[in-house]
């Protein structure tokens, strides 16, 4: 009898194994989004700066990855556990704070320690892909204007410090995630797939950097009116947008953390709905405002399809499809 009680349920184990595979597949899709960002940003910039822009998109993955691998993951998720994919125990404990008021975690530095099981390593891969998205958002807002040395510092800082702090407070189980208990604020902080933890955090960094650097040279004339600086390769930008749409299925659907949670299908469909309605709404708006029919309009479709997909990511698995339509139109 004692042996039977200690033997894991094979059905439960199989579910955890399949869910872990689901997370790794989702991570691969999100990592592939880096190619989409690279194509969108490079295609939307001037040809003379194409090599610099694509190089930042190429290098940001490695820079952020190393920072997150060494210390960022421990700061973020040292106290995280989730049995659905086999991560039954956290890899560490609190570093700064205690109880409902934890601000940073520790444990699993450079993926070391006995607690670093295959489930924990798979979870790291998924989270490092999310971190990379935060790191790469500013490469577009500051494209053609920042120095390479500054970019390198940003990439490592984002992976080691900037993203981990916010992730520790929220997804890592820190003080914001515990406001349901400490402040009696409903369910506390809820963000299913990163509309706040990823895109808002990356957007704040992107906006701040753009304000500090200012506009591109030649963007405004002597009269103060803005000038169009056309992207040099529209097909490249549009191909990148399709790649981003493809990768976003991993971003949203795999955030269920369980292949046995059939809500991943709802999240996937809502992702597609957002992309479709976002781009077509942009098409109708632009074609009404611009009388000439030319490819100069195409980048605007990309600019609206891309932000439409993360727009409802706080809970894409709980929205009905009709609500998804409204959220992007």
C-alpha atoms as a PDB file:
ATOM      1  CA  UNK A   1       0.000   0.000   0.000  1.00  0.00           C
ATOM      2  CA  UNK A   2       2.823   2.412   0.883  1.00  0.00           C
ATOM      3  CA  UNK A   3       4.460   1.691  -2.472  1.00  0.00           C
ATOM      4  CA  UNK A   4       1.247   2.456  -4.337  1.00  0.00           C
ATOM      5  CA  UNK A   5       0.841   5.773  -2.513  1.00  0.00           C
ATOM      6  CA  UNK A   6       4.388   6.857  -3.417  1.00  0.00           C
ATOM      7  CA  UNK A   7       4.137   5.844  -7.064  1.00  0.00           C
ATOM      8  CA  UNK A   8       3.179   8.819  -9.267  1.00  0.00           C
ATOM      9  CA  UNK A   9      -0.026   8.470 -11.214  1.00  0.00           C
ATOM     10  CA  UNK A  10       1.088   7.609 -14.783  1.00  0.00           C
ATOM     11  CA  UNK A  11      -1.741   9.681 -16.259  1.00  0.00           C
ATOM     12  CA  UNK A  12      -0.634  12.715 -14.256  1.00  0.00           C
ATOM     13  CA  UNK A  13       2.995  12.198 -15.259  1.00  0.00           C
ATOM     14  CA  UNK A  14       2.038  11.868 -18.930  1.00  0.00           C
ATOM     15  CA  UNK A  15       0.030  15.084 -18.710  1.00  0.00           C
ATOM     16  CA  UNK A  16       3.015  16.892 -17.198  1.00  0.00           C
ATOM     17  CA  UNK A  17       5.347  15.579 -19.879  1.00  0.00           C
ATOM     18  CA  UNK A  18       3.049  16.602 -22.707  1.00  0.00           C
ATOM     19  CA  UNK A  19       2.523  20.018 -21.132  1.00  0.00           C
ATOM     20  CA  UNK A  20       6.286  20.513 -20.811  1.00  0.00           C
ATOM     21  CA  UNK A  21       6.661  19.686 -24.496  1.00  0.00           C
ATOM     22  CA  UNK A  22       3.897  22.217 -25.220  1.00  0.00           C
ATOM     23  CA  UNK A  23       5.860  24.884 -23.326  1.00  0.00           C
ATOM     24  CA  UNK A  24       9.084  24.123 -25.214  1.00  0.00           C
ATOM     25  CA  UNK A  25       7.231  24.311 -28.557  1.00  0.00           C
ATOM     26  CA  UNK A  26       5.721  27.632 -27.475  1.00  0.00           C
ATOM     27  CA  UNK A  27       9.180  28.903 -26.524  1.00  0.00           C
ATOM     28  CA  UNK A  28      10.527  28.000 -29.972  1.00  0.00           C
ATOM     29  CA  UNK A  29       7.677  29.910 -31.633  1.00  0.00           C
ATOM     30  CA  UNK A  30       8.327  32.978 -29.498  1.00  0.00           C
ATOM     31  CA  UNK A  31      12.075  32.863 -30.190  1.00  0.00           C
ATOM     32  CA  UNK A  32      11.268  32.700 -33.918  1.00  0.00           C
ATOM     33  CA  UNK A  33       9.433  36.001 -33.493  1.00  0.00           C
ATOM     34  CA  UNK A  34      12.861  37.625 -33.279  1.00  0.00           C
ATOM     35  CA  UNK A  35      13.186  37.040 -37.012  1.00  0.00           C
ATOM     36  CA  UNK A  36       9.854  38.807 -37.476  1.00  0.00           C
ATOM     37  CA  UNK A  37      10.950  41.809 -35.432  1.00  0.00           C
ATOM     38  CA  UNK A  38      14.203  41.961 -37.384  1.00  0.00           C
ATOM     39  CA  UNK A  39      12.424  41.986 -40.740  1.00  0.00           C
ATOM     40  CA  UNK A  40       9.767  44.517 -39.687  1.00  0.00           C
ATOM     41  CA  UNK A  41      12.214  46.975 -38.172  1.00  0.00           C
ATOM     42  CA  UNK A  42      14.815  46.649 -40.922  1.00  0.00           C
ATOM     43  CA  UNK A  43      12.261  46.957 -43.704  1.00  0.00           C
ATOM     44  CA  UNK A  44      10.719  50.054 -42.123  1.00  0.00           C
ATOM     45  CA  UNK A  45      14.039  51.905 -41.838  1.00  0.00           C
ATOM     46  CA  UNK A  46      16.361  53.475 -44.383  1.00  0.00           C
ATOM     47  CA  UNK A  47      18.619  51.293 -46.499  1.00  0.00           C
ATOM     48  CA  UNK A  48      21.780  53.006 -45.238  1.00  0.00           C
ATOM     49  CA  UNK A  49      21.005  51.850 -41.692  1.00  0.00           C
ATOM     50  CA  UNK A  50      19.692  48.373 -42.522  1.00  0.00           C
ATOM     51  CA  UNK A  51      22.821  46.520 -41.390  1.00  0.00           C
ATOM     52  CA  UNK A  52      22.856  48.292 -38.028  1.00  0.00           C
ATOM     53  CA  UNK A  53      19.152  47.712 -37.375  1.00  0.00           C
ATOM     54  CA  UNK A  54      19.192  44.015 -38.253  1.00  0.00           C
ATOM     55  CA  UNK A  55      22.371  43.554 -36.214  1.00  0.00           C
ATOM     56  CA  UNK A  56      20.697  44.922 -33.097  1.00  0.00           C
ATOM     57  CA  UNK A  57      17.831  42.475 -33.577  1.00  0.00           C
ATOM     58  CA  UNK A  58      20.292  39.638 -34.040  1.00  0.00           C
ATOM     59  CA  UNK A  59      22.463  40.470 -31.034  1.00  0.00           C
ATOM     60  CA  UNK A  60      19.716  41.351 -28.558  1.00  0.00           C
ATOM     61  CA  UNK A  61      18.769  37.706 -28.092  1.00  0.00           C
ATOM     62  CA  UNK A  62      22.236  36.675 -26.958  1.00  0.00           C
ATOM     63  CA  UNK A  63      22.782  39.719 -24.760  1.00  0.00           C
ATOM     64  CA  UNK A  64      19.488  39.399 -22.937  1.00  0.00           C
ATOM     65  CA  UNK A  65      19.762  35.616 -22.771  1.00  0.00           C
ATOM     66  CA  UNK A  66      23.121  35.718 -20.980  1.00  0.00           C
ATOM     67  CA  UNK A  67      21.889  38.268 -18.431  1.00  0.00           C
ATOM     68  CA  UNK A  68      18.728  36.270 -17.760  1.00  0.00           C
ATOM     69  CA  UNK A  69      20.660  32.981 -17.598  1.00  0.00           C
ATOM     70  CA  UNK A  70      23.202  34.246 -15.084  1.00  0.00           C
ATOM     71  CA  UNK A  71      20.979  36.150 -12.641  1.00  0.00           C
ATOM     72  CA  UNK A  72      17.692  37.264 -14.210  1.00  0.00           C
ATOM     73  CA  UNK A  73      15.862  33.952 -13.955  1.00  0.00           C
ATOM     74  CA  UNK A  74      16.783  33.607 -10.283  1.00  0.00           C
ATOM     75  CA  UNK A  75      15.634  37.164  -9.526  1.00  0.00           C
ATOM     76  CA  UNK A  76      12.360  36.553 -11.369  1.00  0.00           C
ATOM     77  CA  UNK A  77      11.263  33.007 -10.656  1.00  0.00           C
ATOM     78  CA  UNK A  78      13.298  31.658  -7.762  1.00  0.00           C
ATOM     79  CA  UNK A  79      10.066  31.178  -5.838  1.00  0.00           C
ATOM     80  CA  UNK A  80       7.860  29.980  -8.703  1.00  0.00           C
ATOM     81  CA  UNK A  81       6.325  26.516  -8.984  1.00  0.00           C
ATOM     82  CA  UNK A  82       3.538  25.025 -11.088  1.00  0.00           C
ATOM     83  CA  UNK A  83       2.710  21.338 -11.064  1.00  0.00           C
ATOM     84  CA  UNK A  84       0.855  21.263 -14.404  1.00  0.00           C
ATOM     85  CA  UNK A  85       4.138  20.734 -16.277  1.00  0.00           C
ATOM     86  CA  UNK A  86       6.075  19.063 -13.471  1.00  0.00           C
ATOM     87  CA  UNK A  87       7.688  22.016 -11.690  1.00  0.00           C
ATOM     88  CA  UNK A  88       6.365  20.908  -8.326  1.00  0.00           C
ATOM     89  CA  UNK A  89       8.760  22.914  -6.148  1.00  0.00           C
ATOM     90  CA  UNK A  90      10.499  26.292  -6.517  1.00  0.00           C
ATOM     91  CA  UNK A  91      14.208  26.400  -7.291  1.00  0.00           C
ATOM     92  CA  UNK A  92      14.921  28.932  -4.544  1.00  0.00           C
ATOM     93  CA  UNK A  93      13.374  31.367  -2.088  1.00  0.00           C
ATOM     94  CA  UNK A  94      12.918  35.076  -1.412  1.00  0.00           C
ATOM     95  CA  UNK A  95      15.930  37.378  -1.677  1.00  0.00           C
ATOM     96  CA  UNK A  96      14.308  40.708  -0.834  1.00  0.00           C
ATOM     97  CA  UNK A  97      11.136  40.695   1.246  1.00  0.00           C
ATOM     98  CA  UNK A  98       9.007  37.943   2.732  1.00  0.00           C
ATOM     99  CA  UNK A  99       5.465  36.617   2.853  1.00  0.00           C
ATOM    100  CA  UNK A 100       3.144  38.667   0.648  1.00  0.00           C
ATOM    101  CA  UNK A 101       5.811  41.337   0.154  1.00  0.00           C
ATOM    102  CA  UNK A 102       8.570  39.748  -1.911  1.00  0.00           C
ATOM    103  CA  UNK A 103      10.408  42.032  -4.323  1.00  0.00           C
ATOM    104  CA  UNK A 104      13.166  39.718  -5.613  1.00  0.00           C
ATOM    105  CA  UNK A 105      13.863  35.995  -5.530  1.00  0.00           C
ATOM    106  CA  UNK A 106      16.998  33.876  -5.488  1.00  0.00           C
ATOM    107  CA  UNK A 107      17.946  30.370  -6.555  1.00  0.00           C
ATOM    108  CA  UNK A 108      18.880  28.719  -9.834  1.00  0.00           C
ATOM    109  CA  UNK A 109      21.736  31.081 -10.664  1.00  0.00           C
ATOM    110  CA  UNK A 110      23.004  30.113 -14.134  1.00  0.00           C
ATOM    111  CA  UNK A 111      20.541  27.182 -13.998  1.00  0.00           C
ATOM    112  CA  UNK A 112      22.558  25.556 -11.215  1.00  0.00           C
ATOM    113  CA  UNK A 113      21.405  23.543  -8.210  1.00  0.00           C
ATOM    114  CA  UNK A 114      19.644  20.261  -7.607  1.00  0.00           C
ATOM    115  CA  UNK A 115      16.226  21.891  -7.966  1.00  0.00           C
ATOM    116  CA  UNK A 116      16.870  22.627 -11.658  1.00  0.00           C
ATOM    117  CA  UNK A 117      14.780  19.790 -13.077  1.00  0.00           C
ATOM    118  CA  UNK A 118      13.889  19.421 -16.778  1.00  0.00           C
ATOM    119  CA  UNK A 119      10.585  21.150 -15.984  1.00  0.00           C
ATOM    120  CA  UNK A 120      12.395  24.148 -14.489  1.00  0.00           C
ATOM    121  CA  UNK A 121      14.777  24.318 -17.451  1.00  0.00           C
ATOM    122  CA  UNK A 122      11.871  24.189 -19.895  1.00  0.00           C
ATOM    123  CA  UNK A 123      10.135  26.972 -18.000  1.00  0.00           C
ATOM    124  CA  UNK A 124      13.361  29.015 -18.170  1.00  0.00           C
ATOM    125  CA  UNK A 125      13.403  28.648 -21.957  1.00  0.00           C
ATOM    126  CA  UNK A 126       9.849  29.945 -22.221  1.00  0.00           C
ATOM    127  CA  UNK A 127      10.495  32.891 -19.933  1.00  0.00           C
ATOM    128  CA  UNK A 128      13.758  33.859 -21.610  1.00  0.00           C
ATOM    129  CA  UNK A 129      11.821  34.129 -24.872  1.00  0.00           C
ATOM    130  CA  UNK A 130       9.401  36.544 -23.194  1.00  0.00           C
ATOM    131  CA  UNK A 131      12.308  38.551 -21.824  1.00  0.00           C
ATOM    132  CA  UNK A 132      13.767  38.769 -25.316  1.00  0.00           C
ATOM    133  CA  UNK A 133      10.569  40.400 -26.547  1.00  0.00           C
ATOM    134  CA  UNK A 134      10.859  43.080 -23.869  1.00  0.00           C
ATOM    135  CA  UNK A 135      14.475  43.652 -24.862  1.00  0.00           C
ATOM    136  CA  UNK A 136      13.783  43.905 -28.581  1.00  0.00           C
ATOM    137  CA  UNK A 137      10.879  46.379 -28.476  1.00  0.00           C
ATOM    138  CA  UNK A 138      13.220  49.371 -27.932  1.00  0.00           C
ATOM    139  CA  UNK A 139      15.358  48.325 -30.901  1.00  0.00           C
ATOM    140  CA  UNK A 140      12.516  49.574 -33.102  1.00  0.00           C
ATOM    141  CA  UNK A 141      11.764  52.797 -31.239  1.00  0.00           C
ATOM    142  CA  UNK A 142      15.429  53.819 -31.200  1.00  0.00           C
ATOM    143  CA  UNK A 143      16.364  52.410 -34.607  1.00  0.00           C
ATOM    144  CA  UNK A 144      18.859  54.452 -36.628  1.00  0.00           C
ATOM    145  CA  UNK A 145      19.723  56.622 -33.619  1.00  0.00           C
ATOM    146  CA  UNK A 146      21.522  54.821 -30.813  1.00  0.00           C
ATOM    147  CA  UNK A 147      25.152  53.839 -30.409  1.00  0.00           C
ATOM    148  CA  UNK A 148      26.161  50.196 -30.483  1.00  0.00           C
ATOM    149  CA  UNK A 149      27.786  50.405 -27.038  1.00  0.00           C
ATOM    150  CA  UNK A 150      24.570  51.762 -25.518  1.00  0.00           C
ATOM    151  CA  UNK A 151      22.586  49.012 -27.189  1.00  0.00           C
ATOM    152  CA  UNK A 152      24.877  46.321 -25.746  1.00  0.00           C
ATOM    153  CA  UNK A 153      24.464  47.709 -22.234  1.00  0.00           C
ATOM    154  CA  UNK A 154      20.684  47.786 -22.652  1.00  0.00           C
ATOM    155  CA  UNK A 155      20.508  44.165 -23.821  1.00  0.00           C
ATOM    156  CA  UNK A 156      22.372  42.791 -20.821  1.00  0.00           C
ATOM    157  CA  UNK A 157      20.653  45.145 -18.366  1.00  0.00           C
ATOM    158  CA  UNK A 158      17.210  44.117 -19.620  1.00  0.00           C
ATOM    159  CA  UNK A 159      17.890  40.417 -19.186  1.00  0.00           C
ATOM    160  CA  UNK A 160      19.650  40.718 -15.838  1.00  0.00           C
ATOM    161  CA  UNK A 161      17.754  43.499 -14.048  1.00  0.00           C
ATOM    162  CA  UNK A 162      14.982  45.405 -15.831  1.00  0.00           C
ATOM    163  CA  UNK A 163      12.624  42.607 -16.888  1.00  0.00           C
ATOM    164  CA  UNK A 164      13.384  40.378 -13.867  1.00  0.00           C
ATOM    165  CA  UNK A 165      12.255  43.040 -11.404  1.00  0.00           C
ATOM    166  CA  UNK A 166       8.800  43.329 -12.976  1.00  0.00           C
ATOM    167  CA  UNK A 167       8.547  39.578 -13.543  1.00  0.00           C
ATOM    168  CA  UNK A 168       9.419  38.928  -9.879  1.00  0.00           C
ATOM    169  CA  UNK A 169       6.628  41.226  -8.706  1.00  0.00           C
ATOM    170  CA  UNK A 170       4.021  39.635 -10.980  1.00  0.00           C
ATOM    171  CA  UNK A 171       4.438  36.204 -12.588  1.00  0.00           C
ATOM    172  CA  UNK A 172       7.115  35.241 -10.075  1.00  0.00           C
ATOM    173  CA  UNK A 173       4.628  35.485  -7.215  1.00  0.00           C
ATOM    174  CA  UNK A 174       5.912  38.742  -5.716  1.00  0.00           C
ATOM    175  CA  UNK A 175       4.054  41.562  -4.016  1.00  0.00           C
ATOM    176  CA  UNK A 176       1.855  42.590  -6.963  1.00  0.00           C
ATOM    177  CA  UNK A 177       0.686  39.024  -7.476  1.00  0.00           C
ATOM    178  CA  UNK A 178      -0.219  38.858  -3.791  1.00  0.00           C
ATOM    179  CA  UNK A 179      -2.346  42.002  -3.630  1.00  0.00           C
ATOM    180  CA  UNK A 180      -5.437  39.770  -3.494  1.00  0.00           C
ATOM    181  CA  UNK A 181      -4.182  38.705  -0.047  1.00  0.00           C
ATOM    182  CA  UNK A 182      -2.258  41.732   1.224  1.00  0.00           C
ATOM    183  CA  UNK A 183      -4.688  44.413   0.018  1.00  0.00           C
ATOM    184  CA  UNK A 184      -7.869  42.412  -0.669  1.00  0.00           C
ATOM    185  CA  UNK A 185      -7.783  43.535  -4.316  1.00  0.00           C
ATOM    186  CA  UNK A 186      -9.880  40.866  -6.001  1.00  0.00           C
ATOM    187  CA  UNK A 187      -7.679  38.289  -7.744  1.00  0.00           C
ATOM    188  CA  UNK A 188      -4.568  40.446  -7.476  1.00  0.00           C
ATOM    189  CA  UNK A 189      -2.416  41.195 -10.491  1.00  0.00           C
ATOM    190  CA  UNK A 190      -3.493  39.062 -13.455  1.00  0.00           C
ATOM    191  CA  UNK A 191      -1.703  38.961 -16.808  1.00  0.00           C
ATOM    192  CA  UNK A 192      -2.234  35.780 -18.784  1.00  0.00           C
ATOM    193  CA  UNK A 193       0.309  36.239 -21.569  1.00  0.00           C
ATOM    194  CA  UNK A 194       2.145  39.504 -21.062  1.00  0.00           C
ATOM    195  CA  UNK A 195       0.163  42.562 -22.131  1.00  0.00           C
ATOM    196  CA  UNK A 196       1.588  44.265 -19.046  1.00  0.00           C
ATOM    197  CA  UNK A 197       4.647  42.264 -17.990  1.00  0.00           C
ATOM    198  CA  UNK A 198       6.042  42.101 -21.530  1.00  0.00           C
ATOM    199  CA  UNK A 199       4.563  44.724 -23.832  1.00  0.00           C
ATOM    200  CA  UNK A 200       3.881  47.540 -21.400  1.00  0.00           C
ATOM    201  CA  UNK A 201       7.283  47.060 -19.778  1.00  0.00           C
ATOM    202  CA  UNK A 202       9.031  46.962 -23.151  1.00  0.00           C
ATOM    203  CA  UNK A 203       6.922  49.871 -24.372  1.00  0.00           C
ATOM    204  CA  UNK A 204       7.902  52.064 -21.423  1.00  0.00           C
ATOM    205  CA  UNK A 205      11.583  51.428 -22.158  1.00  0.00           C
ATOM    206  CA  UNK A 206      11.025  52.084 -25.870  1.00  0.00           C
ATOM    207  CA  UNK A 207       9.145  55.326 -25.236  1.00  0.00           C
ATOM    208  CA  UNK A 208      11.716  56.559 -22.738  1.00  0.00           C
ATOM    209  CA  UNK A 209      14.579  55.846 -25.104  1.00  0.00           C
ATOM    210  CA  UNK A 210      12.834  57.563 -28.007  1.00  0.00           C
ATOM    211  CA  UNK A 211      12.194  60.663 -25.892  1.00  0.00           C
ATOM    212  CA  UNK A 212      15.821  60.813 -24.763  1.00  0.00           C
ATOM    213  CA  UNK A 213      17.251  60.335 -28.263  1.00  0.00           C
ATOM    214  CA  UNK A 214      14.708  62.482 -30.048  1.00  0.00           C
ATOM    215  CA  UNK A 215      13.495  62.095 -33.654  1.00  0.00           C
ATOM    216  CA  UNK A 216      15.566  60.832 -36.559  1.00  0.00           C
ATOM    217  CA  UNK A 217      17.585  63.422 -38.457  1.00  0.00           C
ATOM    218  CA  UNK A 218      15.388  64.873 -41.176  1.00  0.00           C
ATOM    219  CA  UNK A 219      12.097  63.810 -39.598  1.00  0.00           C
ATOM    220  CA  UNK A 220      10.972  67.404 -39.123  1.00  0.00           C
ATOM    221  CA  UNK A 221      11.469  70.275 -41.526  1.00  0.00           C
ATOM    222  CA  UNK A 222      12.478  73.834 -40.705  1.00  0.00           C
ATOM    223  CA  UNK A 223       8.796  74.710 -40.357  1.00  0.00           C
ATOM    224  CA  UNK A 224       8.354  72.009 -37.701  1.00  0.00           C
ATOM    225  CA  UNK A 225       6.146  69.824 -39.870  1.00  0.00           C
ATOM    226  CA  UNK A 226       6.890  66.073 -39.923  1.00  0.00           C
ATOM    227  CA  UNK A 227       8.320  64.501 -43.035  1.00  0.00           C
ATOM    228  CA  UNK A 228       7.860  60.951 -44.241  1.00  0.00           C
ATOM    229  CA  UNK A 229      10.949  58.774 -43.926  1.00  0.00           C
ATOM    230  CA  UNK A 230       9.836  55.789 -45.955  1.00  0.00           C
ATOM    231  CA  UNK A 231      11.007  52.303 -45.191  1.00  0.00           C
ATOM    232  CA  UNK A 232      13.354  50.903 -47.803  1.00  0.00           C
ATOM    233  CA  UNK A 233      11.821  47.419 -48.144  1.00  0.00           C
ATOM    234  CA  UNK A 234       8.061  47.034 -47.736  1.00  0.00           C
ATOM    235  CA  UNK A 235       7.897  43.288 -48.618  1.00  0.00           C
ATOM    236  CA  UNK A 236      10.473  42.607 -45.901  1.00  0.00           C
ATOM    237  CA  UNK A 237       8.373  44.433 -43.324  1.00  0.00           C
ATOM    238  CA  UNK A 238       5.193  42.614 -44.331  1.00  0.00           C
ATOM    239  CA  UNK A 239       6.882  39.207 -44.258  1.00  0.00           C
ATOM    240  CA  UNK A 240       8.125  40.024 -40.782  1.00  0.00           C
ATOM    241  CA  UNK A 241       4.591  40.821 -39.708  1.00  0.00           C
ATOM    242  CA  UNK A 242       3.380  37.406 -40.857  1.00  0.00           C
ATOM    243  CA  UNK A 243       6.201  35.764 -38.902  1.00  0.00           C
ATOM    244  CA  UNK A 244       5.172  37.702 -35.808  1.00  0.00           C
ATOM    245  CA  UNK A 245       1.585  36.515 -36.211  1.00  0.00           C
ATOM    246  CA  UNK A 246       2.852  32.926 -36.435  1.00  0.00           C
ATOM    247  CA  UNK A 247       4.999  33.302 -33.337  1.00  0.00           C
ATOM    248  CA  UNK A 248       2.216  34.929 -31.358  1.00  0.00           C
ATOM    249  CA  UNK A 249       0.374  31.611 -31.224  1.00  0.00           C
ATOM    250  CA  UNK A 250       3.196  30.377 -29.029  1.00  0.00           C
ATOM    251  CA  UNK A 251       3.067  33.556 -26.983  1.00  0.00           C
ATOM    252  CA  UNK A 252      -0.637  33.319 -26.222  1.00  0.00           C
ATOM    253  CA  UNK A 253      -1.770  29.722 -26.585  1.00  0.00           C
ATOM    254  CA  UNK A 254       1.217  28.158 -24.797  1.00  0.00           C
ATOM    255  CA  UNK A 255       0.719  30.492 -21.844  1.00  0.00           C
ATOM    256  CA  UNK A 256      -1.828  28.013 -20.533  1.00  0.00           C
ATOM    257  CA  UNK A 257       1.282  26.068 -19.385  1.00  0.00           C
ATOM    258  CA  UNK A 258      -0.743  22.910 -19.955  1.00  0.00           C
ATOM    259  CA  UNK A 259      -1.563  21.086 -23.166  1.00  0.00           C
ATOM    260  CA  UNK A 260      -4.477  19.564 -21.248  1.00  0.00           C
ATOM    261  CA  UNK A 261      -6.060  23.007 -20.773  1.00  0.00           C
ATOM    262  CA  UNK A 262      -8.263  23.257 -23.838  1.00  0.00           C
ATOM    263  CA  UNK A 263      -8.573  27.026 -23.387  1.00  0.00           C
ATOM    264  CA  UNK A 264      -5.378  27.250 -25.440  1.00  0.00           C
ATOM    265  CA  UNK A 265      -7.614  26.841 -28.501  1.00  0.00           C
ATOM    266  CA  UNK A 266      -9.602  29.948 -27.519  1.00  0.00           C
ATOM    267  CA  UNK A 267      -6.384  31.903 -26.988  1.00  0.00           C
ATOM    268  CA  UNK A 268      -5.094  30.813 -30.410  1.00  0.00           C
ATOM    269  CA  UNK A 269      -8.302  31.762 -32.223  1.00  0.00           C
ATOM    270  CA  UNK A 270      -8.479  35.131 -30.479  1.00  0.00           C
ATOM    271  CA  UNK A 271      -4.889  35.791 -31.531  1.00  0.00           C
ATOM    272  CA  UNK A 272      -5.795  35.189 -35.167  1.00  0.00           C
ATOM    273  CA  UNK A 273      -8.947  37.312 -34.865  1.00  0.00           C
ATOM    274  CA  UNK A 274      -6.955  40.202 -33.439  1.00  0.00           C
ATOM    275  CA  UNK A 275      -4.437  40.070 -36.280  1.00  0.00           C
ATOM    276  CA  UNK A 276      -7.124  39.884 -38.962  1.00  0.00           C
ATOM    277  CA  UNK A 277      -9.355  42.645 -37.631  1.00  0.00           C
ATOM    278  CA  UNK A 278      -6.413  44.875 -36.722  1.00  0.00           C
ATOM    279  CA  UNK A 279      -4.878  44.774 -40.187  1.00  0.00           C
ATOM    280  CA  UNK A 280      -8.159  45.137 -42.096  1.00  0.00           C
ATOM    281  CA  UNK A 281      -9.310  48.005 -39.887  1.00  0.00           C
ATOM    282  CA  UNK A 282      -6.022  49.726 -40.712  1.00  0.00           C
ATOM    283  CA  UNK A 283      -6.507  48.982 -44.405  1.00  0.00           C
ATOM    284  CA  UNK A 284      -9.961  50.569 -44.451  1.00  0.00           C
ATOM    285  CA  UNK A 285      -8.792  53.600 -42.488  1.00  0.00           C
ATOM    286  CA  UNK A 286      -5.692  54.207 -44.608  1.00  0.00           C
ATOM    287  CA  UNK A 287      -7.420  53.710 -47.960  1.00  0.00           C
ATOM    288  CA  UNK A 288     -10.048  56.285 -46.986  1.00  0.00           C
ATOM    289  CA  UNK A 289      -7.435  58.847 -45.956  1.00  0.00           C
ATOM    290  CA  UNK A 290      -4.946  58.258 -48.781  1.00  0.00           C
ATOM    291  CA  UNK A 291      -6.334  58.574 -52.276  1.00  0.00           C
ATOM    292  CA  UNK A 292      -3.398  57.123 -54.194  1.00  0.00           C
ATOM    293  CA  UNK A 293      -3.161  53.355 -54.333  1.00  0.00           C
ATOM    294  CA  UNK A 294       0.442  52.381 -53.702  1.00  0.00           C
ATOM    295  CA  UNK A 295       2.595  50.224 -51.505  1.00  0.00           C
ATOM    296  CA  UNK A 296       3.374  53.137 -49.210  1.00  0.00           C
ATOM    297  CA  UNK A 297       0.162  52.197 -47.408  1.00  0.00           C
ATOM    298  CA  UNK A 298       1.335  48.663 -46.670  1.00  0.00           C
ATOM    299  CA  UNK A 299       3.536  49.486 -43.678  1.00  0.00           C
ATOM    300  CA  UNK A 300       0.478  50.978 -41.961  1.00  0.00           C
ATOM    301  CA  UNK A 301      -1.236  47.589 -42.161  1.00  0.00           C
ATOM    302  CA  UNK A 302       1.800  46.088 -40.393  1.00  0.00           C
ATOM    303  CA  UNK A 303       1.799  48.816 -37.776  1.00  0.00           C
ATOM    304  CA  UNK A 304      -1.786  48.004 -36.839  1.00  0.00           C
ATOM    305  CA  UNK A 305      -1.671  44.210 -37.095  1.00  0.00           C
ATOM    306  CA  UNK A 306       1.339  43.941 -34.761  1.00  0.00           C
ATOM    307  CA  UNK A 307      -0.103  45.924 -31.814  1.00  0.00           C
ATOM    308  CA  UNK A 308      -3.547  44.387 -32.224  1.00  0.00           C
ATOM    309  CA  UNK A 309      -2.297  40.951 -31.232  1.00  0.00           C
ATOM    310  CA  UNK A 310      -0.918  41.809 -27.776  1.00  0.00           C
ATOM    311  CA  UNK A 311      -3.788  44.195 -27.078  1.00  0.00           C
ATOM    312  CA  UNK A 312      -5.899  41.681 -25.183  1.00  0.00           C
ATOM    313  CA  UNK A 313      -3.144  39.377 -23.935  1.00  0.00           C
ATOM    314  CA  UNK A 314      -3.983  39.911 -20.276  1.00  0.00           C
ATOM    315  CA  UNK A 315      -6.640  37.218 -20.752  1.00  0.00           C
ATOM    316  CA  UNK A 316      -6.922  35.986 -24.373  1.00  0.00           C
ATOM    317  CA  UNK A 317      -8.148  32.599 -23.207  1.00  0.00           C
ATOM    318  CA  UNK A 318     -11.164  34.049 -21.412  1.00  0.00           C
ATOM    319  CA  UNK A 319     -12.472  36.535 -23.971  1.00  0.00           C
ATOM    320  CA  UNK A 320     -15.187  35.420 -26.327  1.00  0.00           C
ATOM    321  CA  UNK A 321     -14.408  35.830 -30.002  1.00  0.00           C
ATOM    322  CA  UNK A 322     -16.950  38.649 -30.312  1.00  0.00           C
ATOM    323  CA  UNK A 323     -15.186  40.593 -27.554  1.00  0.00           C
ATOM    324  CA  UNK A 324     -11.887  40.034 -29.365  1.00  0.00           C
ATOM    325  CA  UNK A 325     -13.349  41.644 -32.471  1.00  0.00           C
ATOM    326  CA  UNK A 326     -14.378  44.711 -30.519  1.00  0.00           C
ATOM    327  CA  UNK A 327     -11.055  44.975 -28.703  1.00  0.00           C
ATOM    328  CA  UNK A 328      -9.101  45.561 -31.908  1.00  0.00           C
ATOM    329  CA  UNK A 329     -11.608  47.715 -33.747  1.00  0.00           C
END
